Protein backbone atom coordinates (compact mmCIF):
# COMPACT_ATOMS: atom_id res chain seq x y z
CA MET A 1 -26.15 28.87 38.71
CA ASN A 2 -23.31 28.26 36.23
CA GLN A 3 -21.51 26.07 38.76
CA LEU A 4 -24.63 23.92 39.16
CA LYS A 5 -24.87 23.46 35.39
CA ILE A 6 -21.20 22.48 35.22
CA ILE A 7 -21.61 19.95 38.04
CA ILE A 8 -24.71 18.39 36.45
CA LEU A 9 -23.07 18.27 33.02
CA SER A 10 -19.91 16.65 34.42
CA LEU A 11 -21.98 14.05 36.30
CA ILE A 12 -23.90 13.18 33.14
CA LEU A 13 -20.72 12.89 31.06
CA THR A 14 -18.99 10.79 33.72
CA ALA A 15 -21.94 8.42 33.98
CA CYS A 16 -22.07 7.98 30.21
CA SER A 17 -18.36 7.57 29.64
CA PHE A 18 -17.81 4.40 31.68
CA PRO A 19 -19.87 1.51 30.30
CA GLN A 20 -20.65 -1.35 32.64
CA PHE A 21 -20.21 -4.91 31.40
CA SER A 22 -21.25 -8.16 32.98
CA PHE A 23 -21.49 -11.80 32.05
CA LYS A 24 -25.12 -12.68 31.66
CA SER A 25 -26.63 -15.81 30.23
CA GLY A 26 -28.60 -15.62 27.00
CA GLY A 27 -32.31 -16.04 26.74
CA SER A 28 -35.11 -14.34 28.62
CA GLU A 29 -33.38 -14.69 31.99
CA THR A 30 -30.60 -12.15 32.51
CA LYS A 31 -28.91 -13.57 35.60
CA GLU A 32 -25.22 -13.05 36.14
CA ILE A 33 -23.00 -15.97 35.25
CA ASP A 34 -21.06 -16.60 38.45
CA ALA A 35 -18.09 -18.35 36.90
CA GLU A 36 -14.35 -18.08 37.09
CA THR A 37 -13.31 -20.64 34.47
CA VAL A 38 -14.38 -21.71 30.99
CA GLN A 39 -13.64 -25.01 29.31
CA VAL A 40 -13.84 -25.25 25.51
CA ASP A 41 -13.59 -28.86 24.34
CA TYR A 42 -12.25 -29.86 20.93
CA PHE A 43 -14.85 -29.59 18.14
CA ASP A 44 -14.56 -32.65 15.91
CA ASN A 45 -15.20 -32.20 12.20
CA LYS A 46 -18.08 -34.59 11.40
CA SER A 47 -18.74 -33.13 7.94
CA ALA A 48 -18.11 -35.06 4.75
CA ILE A 49 -15.39 -32.66 3.60
CA GLY A 50 -12.94 -30.32 5.26
CA GLY A 51 -9.40 -31.02 6.21
CA PRO A 52 -8.11 -32.08 9.61
CA PHE A 53 -7.25 -28.45 10.35
CA LEU A 54 -10.93 -27.48 10.49
CA GLY A 55 -11.67 -28.77 14.01
CA ALA A 56 -8.47 -27.37 15.47
CA SER A 57 -8.96 -24.01 13.79
CA PHE A 58 -12.53 -23.62 15.02
CA THR A 59 -11.71 -24.77 18.56
CA GLU A 60 -8.82 -22.30 18.83
CA SER A 61 -11.01 -19.48 17.50
CA LEU A 62 -13.66 -20.18 20.14
CA ARG A 63 -11.03 -20.38 22.89
CA ASP A 64 -9.51 -17.11 21.68
CA ILE A 65 -12.83 -15.23 21.83
CA MET A 66 -13.52 -16.55 25.33
CA GLN A 67 -10.14 -15.30 26.51
CA ALA A 68 -10.29 -11.99 24.66
CA GLN A 69 -13.84 -10.98 25.58
CA THR A 70 -14.21 -12.36 29.13
CA LYS A 71 -12.23 -12.41 32.33
CA LEU A 72 -12.79 -16.16 32.62
CA ASN A 73 -9.71 -18.37 32.87
CA LEU A 74 -9.46 -21.02 30.18
CA VAL A 75 -9.03 -24.52 31.64
CA ALA A 76 -8.67 -27.97 30.09
CA LYS A 77 -11.24 -29.68 32.35
CA ASN A 78 -13.74 -29.07 35.14
CA GLY A 79 -14.57 -25.55 33.95
CA ASP A 80 -17.43 -23.67 35.63
CA LEU A 81 -18.78 -23.06 32.12
CA GLN A 82 -18.23 -25.88 29.63
CA VAL A 83 -18.65 -25.55 25.88
CA SER A 84 -18.52 -28.54 23.53
CA GLY A 85 -19.85 -29.61 20.16
CA ILE A 86 -19.11 -30.73 16.63
CA ILE A 87 -18.74 -29.26 13.17
CA LYS A 88 -21.79 -30.75 11.45
CA ASN A 89 -21.60 -29.34 7.93
CA TYR A 90 -18.92 -27.85 5.76
CA LEU A 91 -19.97 -27.57 2.16
CA ILE A 92 -19.43 -25.65 -1.05
CA SER A 93 -22.29 -24.74 -3.36
CA PRO A 94 -22.46 -22.60 -6.50
CA VAL A 95 -24.18 -19.20 -6.40
CA ASN A 96 -24.63 -16.48 -9.02
CA ILE A 97 -24.87 -18.71 -12.08
CA GLN A 98 -23.66 -16.74 -15.10
CA ALA A 99 -26.16 -16.01 -17.87
CA GLY A 100 -25.69 -18.22 -20.93
CA SER A 101 -23.38 -20.56 -19.05
CA GLU A 102 -23.62 -23.44 -16.65
CA SER A 103 -20.79 -22.17 -14.50
CA ALA A 104 -21.07 -20.08 -11.36
CA ALA A 105 -19.45 -16.70 -10.91
CA GLN A 106 -19.20 -17.35 -7.18
CA ASN A 107 -19.22 -20.27 -4.81
CA ARG A 108 -20.51 -20.29 -1.25
CA LEU A 109 -18.69 -22.01 1.60
CA LYS A 110 -21.04 -22.76 4.48
CA MET A 111 -20.22 -24.19 7.89
CA SER A 112 -22.62 -25.31 10.64
CA VAL A 113 -21.63 -26.09 14.20
CA SER A 114 -23.68 -27.83 16.89
CA VAL A 115 -22.96 -26.48 20.38
CA ASP A 116 -23.71 -27.76 23.88
CA THR A 117 -23.04 -25.87 27.09
CA TYR A 118 -23.01 -26.84 30.72
CA TYR A 119 -22.91 -24.39 33.60
CA LYS A 120 -21.98 -26.12 36.86
CA LYS A 121 -23.94 -23.89 39.22
CA ASN A 122 -27.15 -23.70 37.20
CA ASP A 123 -27.49 -24.85 33.62
CA SER A 124 -29.55 -21.78 32.73
CA ILE A 125 -27.61 -21.03 29.55
CA GLY A 126 -29.34 -23.92 27.82
CA LEU A 127 -27.43 -24.36 24.59
CA ASN A 128 -28.09 -28.02 23.90
CA LYS A 129 -27.51 -29.07 20.32
CA SER A 130 -27.91 -25.43 19.26
CA LEU A 131 -26.97 -24.98 15.61
CA PHE A 132 -24.90 -22.00 14.48
CA SER A 133 -24.20 -21.42 10.78
CA ALA A 134 -22.38 -18.93 8.62
CA PHE A 135 -21.37 -18.66 5.00
CA VAL A 136 -18.93 -16.70 2.88
CA ASP A 137 -18.96 -16.26 -0.89
CA TYR A 138 -15.81 -16.33 -3.00
CA ASN A 139 -14.86 -16.06 -6.64
CA ALA A 140 -15.45 -19.38 -8.40
CA SER A 141 -12.33 -18.93 -10.50
CA SER A 142 -10.18 -18.91 -7.34
CA ASP A 143 -8.31 -22.06 -6.39
CA PHE A 144 -10.16 -23.19 -3.26
CA THR A 145 -7.05 -24.59 -1.60
CA ASN A 146 -5.41 -21.16 -1.86
CA VAL A 147 -8.34 -19.27 -0.28
CA GLU A 148 -9.71 -21.91 2.12
CA GLU A 149 -7.72 -20.80 5.17
CA GLU A 150 -8.90 -17.18 4.86
CA LEU A 151 -12.51 -18.29 4.25
CA VAL A 152 -12.46 -20.60 7.29
CA GLU A 153 -11.02 -17.79 9.42
CA ASN A 154 -13.97 -15.61 8.36
CA LEU A 155 -16.49 -18.38 9.12
CA ASN A 156 -14.86 -19.05 12.49
CA TYR A 157 -15.13 -15.38 13.41
CA GLN A 158 -18.83 -15.20 12.50
CA ILE A 159 -19.82 -18.40 14.28
CA THR A 160 -17.73 -17.93 17.42
CA GLN A 161 -19.10 -14.40 17.83
CA ASP A 162 -22.66 -15.75 17.50
CA ILE A 163 -21.94 -18.44 20.11
CA PHE A 164 -20.38 -15.90 22.47
CA ASP A 165 -23.35 -13.56 22.05
CA LYS A 166 -25.81 -16.36 22.74
CA ILE A 167 -23.99 -17.52 25.87
CA PHE A 168 -23.44 -14.08 27.36
CA GLY A 169 -26.73 -12.48 26.34
CA GLY A 170 -25.45 -10.13 23.70
CA GLU A 171 -28.02 -10.94 21.03
CA TRP A 172 -28.55 -7.50 19.59
């Protein structure tokens, strides 16, 4: 009887210890994405502000997450899964206005990205002009040029993770 308990317990632990992952498209359909390559096109910065580094930084962040979290090979063109888009908005606004003053204690940097996808075998992913946004607050007394790179890195992480989750069905 003890041997049976040990066998059952070991089977349960073995089954629980090895998670199974797959690439599934987002949305109500959960079909496997039968792809070997991914193409991430350059995201132009179409916002009124933001330096020339913004598009390159975001594009590289999205390419990095695709390589780090999938087994898909990154290609420059003719990818089975193609991701493109633009940076639509990049703006700073005051938040947390201080009492008795017209100045803000914090500013908010917000970025919005419009994303399109194309899946060669069946465009079931359906991200067409889908808007993804994120924001990060920072101390208003900070020199923006000194903290911008770190803030953009944070925004890139948030938005690229949201895009990845939407494409591969990981909307928790």
